[in-house]
Amino acid sequence: MNGANLSLPEPIELVAIDPARNIRRRYSITASLDLFGMIVVETRWGRIGAHGQAQRHAFADRAAADRHIAATLRRRGTAETRIGVPYELVPTEV
């Protein structure tokens, strides 16, 4: 697989803030290529300002990476029901 011609998904940064309830959460999704041409999707989450947690998944093709990202965003879309405040998209610089 030639990774030079492979386009990667754009980075995504989400935040959920409710000062009245002391909720300050962040969620980010980034994609990169590893040395073997696999797409590595890294997800980071936690309280804004804290180190938080991270998880990495490797995918052989862009379609599989996109499916994983879409599933992750669907879960974040239910935040208002679960935690009472929705995540909002933050513009990111590439």
PDB file of N, CA and C in Angstrom:
ATOM      1  N   MET A   1       0.846  -1.175   0.000  1.00  0.00           N
ATOM      2  CA  MET A   1       0.000   0.000   0.000  1.00  0.00           C
ATOM      3  C   MET A   1       0.887   1.231   0.000  1.00  0.00           C
ATOM      4  N   ASN A   2       0.615   2.174  -0.876  1.00  0.00           N
ATOM      5  CA  ASN A   2       1.392   3.396  -0.963  1.00  0.00           C
ATOM      6  C   ASN A   2       0.681   4.488  -0.187  1.00  0.00           C
ATOM      7  N   GLY A   3       1.228   4.884   0.936  1.00  0.00           N
ATOM      8  CA  GLY A   3       0.605   5.879   1.786  1.00  0.00           C
ATOM      9  C   GLY A   3       0.765   7.298   1.292  1.00  0.00           C
ATOM     10  N   ALA A   4       1.643   7.539   0.296  1.00  0.00           N
ATOM     11  CA  ALA A   4       1.894   8.889  -0.176  1.00  0.00           C
ATOM     12  C   ALA A   4       0.654   9.509  -0.822  1.00  0.00           C
ATOM     13  N   ASN A   5      -0.177   8.712  -1.469  1.00  0.00           N
ATOM     14  CA  ASN A   5      -1.350   9.232  -2.159  1.00  0.00           C
ATOM     15  C   ASN A   5      -2.621   9.132  -1.324  1.00  0.00           C
ATOM     16  N   LEU A   6      -2.531   8.649  -0.128  1.00  0.00           N
ATOM     17  CA  LEU A   6      -3.698   8.412   0.706  1.00  0.00           C
ATOM     18  C   LEU A   6      -4.093   9.689   1.443  1.00  0.00           C
ATOM     19  N   SER A   7      -5.348  10.102   1.307  1.00  0.00           N
ATOM     20  CA  SER A   7      -5.817  11.265   2.054  1.00  0.00           C
ATOM     21  C   SER A   7      -6.311  10.804   3.423  1.00  0.00           C
ATOM     22  N   LEU A   8      -6.076  11.635   4.407  1.00  0.00           N
ATOM     23  CA  LEU A   8      -6.456  11.299   5.779  1.00  0.00           C
ATOM     24  C   LEU A   8      -7.668  12.121   6.199  1.00  0.00           C
ATOM     25  N   PRO A   9      -8.489  11.586   7.091  1.00  0.00           N
ATOM     26  CA  PRO A   9      -9.602  12.368   7.630  1.00  0.00           C
ATOM     27  C   PRO A   9      -9.079  13.601   8.370  1.00  0.00           C
ATOM     28  N   GLU A  10      -9.850  14.667   8.335  1.00  0.00           N
ATOM     29  CA  GLU A  10      -9.475  15.899   9.028  1.00  0.00           C
ATOM     30  C   GLU A  10      -9.553  15.694  10.545  1.00  0.00           C
ATOM     31  N   PRO A  11      -8.705  16.395  11.307  1.00  0.00           N
ATOM     32  CA  PRO A  11      -8.793  16.311  12.772  1.00  0.00           C
ATOM     33  C   PRO A  11     -10.129  16.879  13.259  1.00  0.00           C
ATOM     34  N   ILE A  12     -10.659  16.305  14.315  1.00  0.00           N
ATOM     35  CA  ILE A  12     -11.931  16.741  14.889  1.00  0.00           C
ATOM     36  C   ILE A  12     -11.701  17.034  16.365  1.00  0.00           C
ATOM     37  N   GLU A  13     -12.173  18.193  16.814  1.00  0.00           N
ATOM     38  CA  GLU A  13     -12.058  18.589  18.219  1.00  0.00           C
ATOM     39  C   GLU A  13     -13.458  18.957  18.709  1.00  0.00           C
ATOM     40  N   LEU A  14     -13.909  18.302  19.772  1.00  0.00           N
ATOM     41  CA  LEU A  14     -15.226  18.551  20.353  1.00  0.00           C
ATOM     42  C   LEU A  14     -15.067  18.976  21.807  1.00  0.00           C
ATOM     43  N   VAL A  15     -15.958  19.866  22.271  1.00  0.00           N
ATOM     44  CA  VAL A  15     -15.966  20.243  23.681  1.00  0.00           C
ATOM     45  C   VAL A  15     -17.404  20.254  24.184  1.00  0.00           C
ATOM     46  N   ALA A  16     -17.568  19.933  25.460  1.00  0.00           N
ATOM     47  CA  ALA A  16     -18.863  20.017  26.141  1.00  0.00           C
ATOM     48  C   ALA A  16     -18.623  20.805  27.417  1.00  0.00           C
ATOM     49  N   ILE A  17     -19.245  21.984  27.516  1.00  0.00           N
ATOM     50  CA  ILE A  17     -18.999  22.866  28.658  1.00  0.00           C
ATOM     51  C   ILE A  17     -20.329  23.302  29.255  1.00  0.00           C
ATOM     52  N   ASP A  18     -20.447  23.149  30.564  1.00  0.00           N
ATOM     53  CA  ASP A  18     -21.586  23.652  31.327  1.00  0.00           C
ATOM     54  C   ASP A  18     -21.043  24.140  32.664  1.00  0.00           C
ATOM     55  N   PRO A  19     -20.718  25.448  32.777  1.00  0.00           N
ATOM     56  CA  PRO A  19     -20.117  25.964  34.013  1.00  0.00           C
ATOM     57  C   PRO A  19     -20.997  25.748  35.251  1.00  0.00           C
ATOM     58  N   ALA A  20     -22.315  25.801  35.091  1.00  0.00           N
ATOM     59  CA  ALA A  20     -23.211  25.636  36.234  1.00  0.00           C
ATOM     60  C   ALA A  20     -23.079  24.253  36.860  1.00  0.00           C
ATOM     61  N   ARG A  21     -22.748  23.250  36.044  1.00  0.00           N
ATOM     62  CA  ARG A  21     -22.620  21.881  36.548  1.00  0.00           C
ATOM     63  C   ARG A  21     -21.165  21.420  36.595  1.00  0.00           C
ATOM     64  N   ASN A  22     -20.232  22.346  36.362  1.00  0.00           N
ATOM     65  CA  ASN A  22     -18.796  22.056  36.397  1.00  0.00           C
ATOM     66  C   ASN A  22     -18.403  20.962  35.396  1.00  0.00           C
ATOM     67  N   ILE A  23     -19.019  21.004  34.225  1.00  0.00           N
ATOM     68  CA  ILE A  23     -18.683  20.055  33.159  1.00  0.00           C
ATOM     69  C   ILE A  23     -17.799  20.771  32.148  1.00  0.00           C
ATOM     70  N   ARG A  24     -16.602  20.245  31.930  1.00  0.00           N
ATOM     71  CA  ARG A  24     -15.650  20.796  30.955  1.00  0.00           C
ATOM     72  C   ARG A  24     -14.933  19.617  30.310  1.00  0.00           C
ATOM     73  N   ARG A  25     -15.536  19.054  29.285  1.00  0.00           N
ATOM     74  CA  ARG A  25     -14.980  17.863  28.642  1.00  0.00           C
ATOM     75  C   ARG A  25     -14.500  18.177  27.235  1.00  0.00           C
ATOM     76  N   ARG A  26     -13.505  17.407  26.816  1.00  0.00           N
ATOM     77  CA  ARG A  26     -12.999  17.533  25.450  1.00  0.00           C
ATOM     78  C   ARG A  26     -12.894  16.149  24.832  1.00  0.00           C
ATOM     79  N   TYR A  27     -12.932  16.125  23.520  1.00  0.00           N
ATOM     80  CA  TYR A  27     -12.839  14.871  22.781  1.00  0.00           C
ATOM     81  C   TYR A  27     -12.195  15.206  21.451  1.00  0.00           C
ATOM     82  N   SER A  28     -11.109  14.549  21.106  1.00  0.00           N
ATOM     83  CA  SER A  28     -10.459  14.830  19.826  1.00  0.00           C
ATOM     84  C   SER A  28     -10.179  13.531  19.080  1.00  0.00           C
ATOM     85  N   ILE A  29     -10.246  13.629  17.762  1.00  0.00           N
ATOM     86  CA  ILE A  29      -9.976  12.492  16.883  1.00  0.00           C
ATOM     87  C   ILE A  29      -8.996  12.967  15.814  1.00  0.00           C
ATOM     88  N   THR A  30      -7.860  12.290  15.711  1.00  0.00           N
ATOM     89  CA  THR A  30      -6.874  12.611  14.678  1.00  0.00           C
ATOM     90  C   THR A  30      -6.476  11.330  13.956  1.00  0.00           C
ATOM     91  N   ALA A  31      -6.040  11.486  12.724  1.00  0.00           N
ATOM     92  CA  ALA A  31      -5.602  10.333  11.933  1.00  0.00           C
ATOM     93  C   ALA A  31      -4.209  10.604  11.380  1.00  0.00           C
ATOM     94  N   SER A  32      -3.404   9.556  11.311  1.00  0.00           N
ATOM     95  CA  SER A  32      -2.057   9.656  10.749  1.00  0.00           C
ATOM     96  C   SER A  32      -1.697   8.318  10.116  1.00  0.00           C
ATOM     97  N   LEU A  33      -0.606   8.318   9.385  1.00  0.00           N
ATOM     98  CA  LEU A  33      -0.108   7.084   8.777  1.00  0.00           C
ATOM     99  C   LEU A  33       1.044   6.542   9.601  1.00  0.00           C
ATOM    100  N   ASP A  34       1.079   5.225   9.795  1.00  0.00           N
ATOM    101  CA  ASP A  34       2.234   4.635  10.465  1.00  0.00           C
ATOM    102  C   ASP A  34       3.262   4.222   9.408  1.00  0.00           C
ATOM    103  N   LEU A  35       4.348   3.634   9.844  1.00  0.00           N
ATOM    104  CA  LEU A  35       5.430   3.266   8.931  1.00  0.00           C
ATOM    105  C   LEU A  35       5.034   2.194   7.921  1.00  0.00           C
ATOM    106  N   PHE A  36       3.986   1.455   8.202  1.00  0.00           N
ATOM    107  CA  PHE A  36       3.557   0.371   7.321  1.00  0.00           C
ATOM    108  C   PHE A  36       2.406   0.776   6.404  1.00  0.00           C
ATOM    109  N   GLY A  37       2.031   2.045   6.421  1.00  0.00           N
ATOM    110  CA  GLY A  37       0.963   2.529   5.557  1.00  0.00           C
ATOM    111  C   GLY A  37      -0.432   2.366   6.120  1.00  0.00           C
ATOM    112  N   MET A  38      -0.543   1.943   7.360  1.00  0.00           N
ATOM    113  CA  MET A  38      -1.848   1.805   8.006  1.00  0.00           C
ATOM    114  C   MET A  38      -2.309   3.184   8.494  1.00  0.00           C
ATOM    115  N   ILE A  39      -3.615   3.399   8.484  1.00  0.00           N
ATOM    116  CA  ILE A  39      -4.172   4.634   9.032  1.00  0.00           C
ATOM    117  C   ILE A  39      -4.399   4.408  10.521  1.00  0.00           C
ATOM    118  N   VAL A  40      -3.787   5.244  11.334  1.00  0.00           N
ATOM    119  CA  VAL A  40      -3.928   5.152  12.784  1.00  0.00           C
ATOM    120  C   VAL A  40      -4.849   6.284  13.234  1.00  0.00           C
ATOM    121  N   VAL A  41      -5.982   5.924  13.825  1.00  0.00           N
ATOM    122  CA  VAL A  41      -6.932   6.900  14.347  1.00  0.00           C
ATOM    123  C   VAL A  41      -6.729   6.963  15.853  1.00  0.00           C
ATOM    124  N   GLU A  42      -6.382   8.163  16.333  1.00  0.00           N
ATOM    125  CA  GLU A  42      -6.163   8.353  17.767  1.00  0.00           C
ATOM    126  C   GLU A  42      -7.308   9.178  18.331  1.00  0.00           C
ATOM    127  N   THR A  43      -7.892   8.678  19.395  1.00  0.00           N
ATOM    128  CA  THR A  43      -8.975   9.355  20.088  1.00  0.00           C
ATOM    129  C   THR A  43      -8.472   9.743  21.469  1.00  0.00           C
ATOM    130  N   ARG A  44      -8.650  11.018  21.829  1.00  0.00           N
ATOM    131  CA  ARG A  44      -8.257  11.509  23.156  1.00  0.00           C
ATOM    132  C   ARG A  44      -9.480  12.145  23.813  1.00  0.00           C
ATOM    133  N   TRP A  45      -9.630  11.906  25.102  1.00  0.00           N
ATOM    134  CA  TRP A  45     -10.766  12.481  25.809  1.00  0.00           C
ATOM    135  C   TRP A  45     -10.409  12.729  27.259  1.00  0.00           C
ATOM    136  N   GLY A  46     -11.187  13.602  27.891  1.00  0.00           N
ATOM    137  CA  GLY A  46     -10.981  13.898  29.302  1.00  0.00           C
ATOM    138  C   GLY A  46     -11.435  15.306  29.626  1.00  0.00           C
ATOM    139  N   ARG A  47     -11.114  15.731  30.814  1.00  0.00           N
ATOM    140  CA  ARG A  47     -11.452  17.072  31.255  1.00  0.00           C
ATOM    141  C   ARG A  47     -10.535  18.072  30.560  1.00  0.00           C
ATOM    142  N   ILE A  48     -11.080  19.219  30.165  1.00  0.00           N
ATOM    143  CA  ILE A  48     -10.271  20.250  29.519  1.00  0.00           C
ATOM    144  C   ILE A  48      -9.162  20.665  30.478  1.00  0.00           C
ATOM    145  N   GLY A  49      -7.934  20.677  29.988  1.00  0.00           N
ATOM    146  CA  GLY A  49      -6.778  21.053  30.796  1.00  0.00           C
ATOM    147  C   GLY A  49      -6.072  19.880  31.441  1.00  0.00           C
ATOM    148  N   ALA A  50      -6.699  18.720  31.461  1.00  0.00           N
ATOM    149  CA  ALA A  50      -6.081  17.522  32.043  1.00  0.00           C
ATOM    150  C   ALA A  50      -5.460  16.681  30.928  1.00  0.00           C
ATOM    151  N   HIS A  51      -4.580  15.778  31.311  1.00  0.00           N
ATOM    152  CA  HIS A  51      -3.934  14.905  30.330  1.00  0.00           C
ATOM    153  C   HIS A  51      -4.956  13.979  29.673  1.00  0.00           C
ATOM    154  N   GLY A  52      -5.893  13.477  30.412  1.00  0.00           N
ATOM    155  CA  GLY A  52      -6.946  12.629  29.865  1.00  0.00           C
ATOM    156  C   GLY A  52      -6.463  11.246  29.464  1.00  0.00           C
ATOM    157  N   GLN A  53      -7.238  10.609  28.615  1.00  0.00           N
ATOM    158  CA  GLN A  53      -6.942   9.258  28.152  1.00  0.00           C
ATOM    159  C   GLN A  53      -6.844   9.256  26.633  1.00  0.00           C
ATOM    160  N   ALA A  54      -6.248   8.202  26.099  1.00  0.00           N
ATOM    161  CA  ALA A  54      -6.111   8.086  24.645  1.00  0.00           C
ATOM    162  C   ALA A  54      -6.262   6.632  24.233  1.00  0.00           C
ATOM    163  N   GLN A  55      -6.691   6.464  22.999  1.00  0.00           N
ATOM    164  CA  GLN A  55      -6.845   5.131  22.436  1.00  0.00           C
ATOM    165  C   GLN A  55      -6.487   5.215  20.952  1.00  0.00           C
ATOM    166  N   ARG A  56      -5.775   4.210  20.457  1.00  0.00           N
ATOM    167  CA  ARG A  56      -5.381   4.180  19.041  1.00  0.00           C
ATOM    168  C   ARG A  56      -5.902   2.912  18.386  1.00  0.00           C
ATOM    169  N   HIS A  57      -6.382   3.076  17.150  1.00  0.00           N
ATOM    170  CA  HIS A  57      -6.829   1.948  16.338  1.00  0.00           C
ATOM    171  C   HIS A  57      -6.200   2.093  14.960  1.00  0.00           C
ATOM    172  N   ALA A  58      -5.707   0.982  14.394  1.00  0.00           N
ATOM    173  CA  ALA A  58      -5.093   0.991  13.061  1.00  0.00           C
ATOM    174  C   ALA A  58      -6.045   0.358  12.052  1.00  0.00           C
ATOM    175  N   PHE A  59      -6.109   0.955  10.860  1.00  0.00           N
ATOM    176  CA  PHE A  59      -6.996   0.479   9.802  1.00  0.00           C
ATOM    177  C   PHE A  59      -6.225   0.375   8.496  1.00  0.00           C
ATOM    178  N   ALA A  60      -6.561  -0.625   7.697  1.00  0.00           N
ATOM    179  CA  ALA A  60      -5.867  -0.853   6.427  1.00  0.00           C
ATOM    180  C   ALA A  60      -6.323   0.111   5.341  1.00  0.00           C
ATOM    181  N   ASP A  61      -7.561   0.621   5.439  1.00  0.00           N
ATOM    182  CA  ASP A  61      -8.040   1.518   4.389  1.00  0.00           C
ATOM    183  C   ASP A  61      -8.835   2.681   4.971  1.00  0.00           C
ATOM    184  N   ARG A  62      -9.034   3.691   4.146  1.00  0.00           N
ATOM    185  CA  ARG A  62      -9.715   4.912   4.563  1.00  0.00           C
ATOM    186  C   ARG A  62     -11.176   4.632   4.937  1.00  0.00           C
ATOM    187  N   ALA A  63     -11.840   3.726   4.224  1.00  0.00           N
ATOM    188  CA  ALA A  63     -13.251   3.432   4.496  1.00  0.00           C
ATOM    189  C   ALA A  63     -13.441   2.881   5.907  1.00  0.00           C
ATOM    190  N   ALA A  64     -12.568   1.991   6.330  1.00  0.00           N
ATOM    191  CA  ALA A  64     -12.665   1.426   7.683  1.00  0.00           C
ATOM    192  C   ALA A  64     -12.409   2.503   8.729  1.00  0.00           C
ATOM    193  N   ALA A  65     -11.440   3.369   8.478  1.00  0.00           N
ATOM    194  CA  ALA A  65     -11.155   4.462   9.412  1.00  0.00           C
ATOM    195  C   ALA A  65     -12.349   5.405   9.496  1.00  0.00           C
ATOM    196  N   ASP A  66     -12.960   5.720   8.353  1.00  0.00           N
ATOM    197  CA  ASP A  66     -14.136   6.591   8.339  1.00  0.00           C
ATOM    198  C   ASP A  66     -15.309   5.973   9.095  1.00  0.00           C
ATOM    199  N   ARG A  67     -15.500   4.664   8.967  1.00  0.00           N
ATOM    200  CA  ARG A  67     -16.583   3.989   9.711  1.00  0.00           C
ATOM    201  C   ARG A  67     -16.350   4.095  11.214  1.00  0.00           C
ATOM    202  N   HIS A  68     -15.107   3.905  11.640  1.00  0.00           N
ATOM    203  CA  HIS A  68     -14.776   4.011  13.064  1.00  0.00           C
ATOM    204  C   HIS A  68     -15.028   5.435  13.566  1.00  0.00           C
ATOM    205  N   ILE A  69     -14.605   6.421  12.797  1.00  0.00           N
ATOM    206  CA  ILE A  69     -14.802   7.817  13.193  1.00  0.00           C
ATOM    207  C   ILE A  69     -16.293   8.142  13.255  1.00  0.00           C
ATOM    208  N   ALA A  70     -17.062   7.688  12.277  1.00  0.00           N
ATOM    209  CA  ALA A  70     -18.507   7.938  12.269  1.00  0.00           C
ATOM    210  C   ALA A  70     -19.189   7.303  13.478  1.00  0.00           C
ATOM    211  N   ALA A  71     -18.793   6.093  13.833  1.00  0.00           N
ATOM    212  CA  ALA A  71     -19.370   5.424  15.006  1.00  0.00           C
ATOM    213  C   ALA A  71     -19.025   6.185  16.282  1.00  0.00           C
ATOM    214  N   THR A  72     -17.806   6.675  16.364  1.00  0.00           N
ATOM    215  CA  THR A  72     -17.387   7.451  17.534  1.00  0.00           C
ATOM    216  C   THR A  72     -18.194   8.740  17.635  1.00  0.00           C
ATOM    217  N   LEU A  73     -18.392   9.425  16.520  1.00  0.00           N
ATOM    218  CA  LEU A  73     -19.158  10.674  16.531  1.00  0.00           C
ATOM    219  C   LEU A  73     -20.634  10.432  16.845  1.00  0.00           C
ATOM    220  N   ARG A  74     -21.177   9.299  16.409  1.00  0.00           N
ATOM    221  CA  ARG A  74     -22.565   8.964  16.779  1.00  0.00           C
ATOM    222  C   ARG A  74     -22.693   8.855  18.294  1.00  0.00           C
ATOM    223  N   ARG A  75     -21.714   8.226  18.925  1.00  0.00           N
ATOM    224  CA  ARG A  75     -21.736   8.081  20.385  1.00  0.00           C
ATOM    225  C   ARG A  75     -21.632   9.454  21.058  1.00  0.00           C
ATOM    226  N   ARG A  76     -20.788  10.319  20.551  1.00  0.00           N
ATOM    227  CA  ARG A  76     -20.663  11.667  21.121  1.00  0.00           C
ATOM    228  C   ARG A  76     -21.950  12.450  20.922  1.00  0.00           C
ATOM    229  N   GLY A  77     -22.698  12.135  19.876  1.00  0.00           N
ATOM    230  CA  GLY A  77     -23.952  12.823  19.608  1.00  0.00           C
ATOM    231  C   GLY A  77     -25.019  12.577  20.658  1.00  0.00           C
ATOM    232  N   THR A  78     -24.864  11.536  21.447  1.00  0.00           N
ATOM    233  CA  THR A  78     -25.833  11.233  22.508  1.00  0.00           C
ATOM    234  C   THR A  78     -25.443  11.868  23.840  1.00  0.00           C
ATOM    235  N   ALA A  79     -24.441  12.717  23.848  1.00  0.00           N
ATOM    236  CA  ALA A  79     -23.942  13.299  25.097  1.00  0.00           C
ATOM    237  C   ALA A  79     -25.009  14.110  25.826  1.00  0.00           C
ATOM    238  N   GLU A  80     -25.837  14.825  25.088  1.00  0.00           N
ATOM    239  CA  GLU A  80     -26.847  15.645  25.753  1.00  0.00           C
ATOM    240  C   GLU A  80     -27.792  14.781  26.579  1.00  0.00           C
ATOM    241  N   THR A  81     -28.147  13.620  26.076  1.00  0.00           N
ATOM    242  CA  THR A  81     -29.005  12.701  26.821  1.00  0.00           C
ATOM    243  C   THR A  81     -28.264  12.112  28.019  1.00  0.00           C
ATOM    244  N   ARG A  82     -26.981  11.788  27.819  1.00  0.00           N
ATOM    245  CA  ARG A  82     -26.219  11.105  28.863  1.00  0.00           C
ATOM    246  C   ARG A  82     -25.697  12.043  29.947  1.00  0.00           C
ATOM    247  N   ILE A  83     -25.103  13.187  29.542  1.00  0.00           N
ATOM    248  CA  ILE A  83     -24.464  14.065  30.531  1.00  0.00           C
ATOM    249  C   ILE A  83     -25.155  15.415  30.666  1.00  0.00           C
ATOM    250  N   GLY A  84     -26.156  15.680  29.828  1.00  0.00           N
ATOM    251  CA  GLY A  84     -26.924  16.906  29.957  1.00  0.00           C
ATOM    252  C   GLY A  84     -26.398  18.095  29.177  1.00  0.00           C
ATOM    253  N   VAL A  85     -25.308  17.933  28.467  1.00  0.00           N
ATOM    254  CA  VAL A  85     -24.764  19.023  27.654  1.00  0.00           C
ATOM    255  C   VAL A  85     -24.198  18.429  26.365  1.00  0.00           C
ATOM    256  N   PRO A  86     -24.512  19.038  25.204  1.00  0.00           N
ATOM    257  CA  PRO A  86     -24.016  18.479  23.944  1.00  0.00           C
ATOM    258  C   PRO A  86     -22.562  18.871  23.678  1.00  0.00           C
ATOM    259  N   TYR A  87     -21.878  18.050  22.901  1.00  0.00           N
ATOM    260  CA  TYR A  87     -20.541  18.407  22.425  1.00  0.00           C
ATOM    261  C   TYR A  87     -20.697  19.380  21.265  1.00  0.00           C
ATOM    262  N   GLU A  88     -19.788  20.356  21.187  1.00  0.00           N
ATOM    263  CA  GLU A  88     -19.770  21.313  20.088  1.00  0.00           C
ATOM    264  C   GLU A  88     -18.454  21.177  19.347  1.00  0.00           C
ATOM    265  N   LEU A  89     -18.506  21.338  18.039  1.00  0.00           N
ATOM    266  CA  LEU A  89     -17.319  21.247  17.198  1.00  0.00           C
ATOM    267  C   LEU A  89     -16.486  22.514  17.350  1.00  0.00           C
ATOM    268  N   VAL A  90     -15.192  22.338  17.572  1.00  0.00           N
ATOM    269  CA  VAL A  90     -14.256  23.451  17.685  1.00  0.00           C
ATOM    270  C   VAL A  90     -13.425  23.473  16.410  1.00  0.00           C
ATOM    271  N   PRO A  91     -13.315  24.638  15.753  1.00  0.00           N
ATOM    272  CA  PRO A  91     -12.472  24.692  14.550  1.00  0.00           C
ATOM    273  C   PRO A  91     -11.026  24.321  14.890  1.00  0.00           C
ATOM    274  N   THR A  92     -10.414  23.472  14.058  1.00  0.00           N
ATOM    275  CA  THR A  92      -9.028  23.061  14.284  1.00  0.00           C
ATOM    276  C   THR A  92      -8.170  23.509  13.121  1.00  0.00           C
ATOM    277  N   GLU A  93      -6.902  23.716  13.418  1.00  0.00           N
ATOM    278  CA  GLU A  93      -5.937  24.055  12.379  1.00  0.00           C
ATOM    279  C   GLU A  93      -5.193  22.794  12.000  1.00  0.00           C
ATOM    280  N   VAL A  94      -4.990  22.606  10.712  1.00  0.00           N
ATOM    281  CA  VAL A  94      -4.300  21.405  10.236  1.00  0.00           C
ATOM    282  C   VAL A  94      -2.820  21.636  10.226  1.00  0.00           C
TER     283      VAL A  94
END
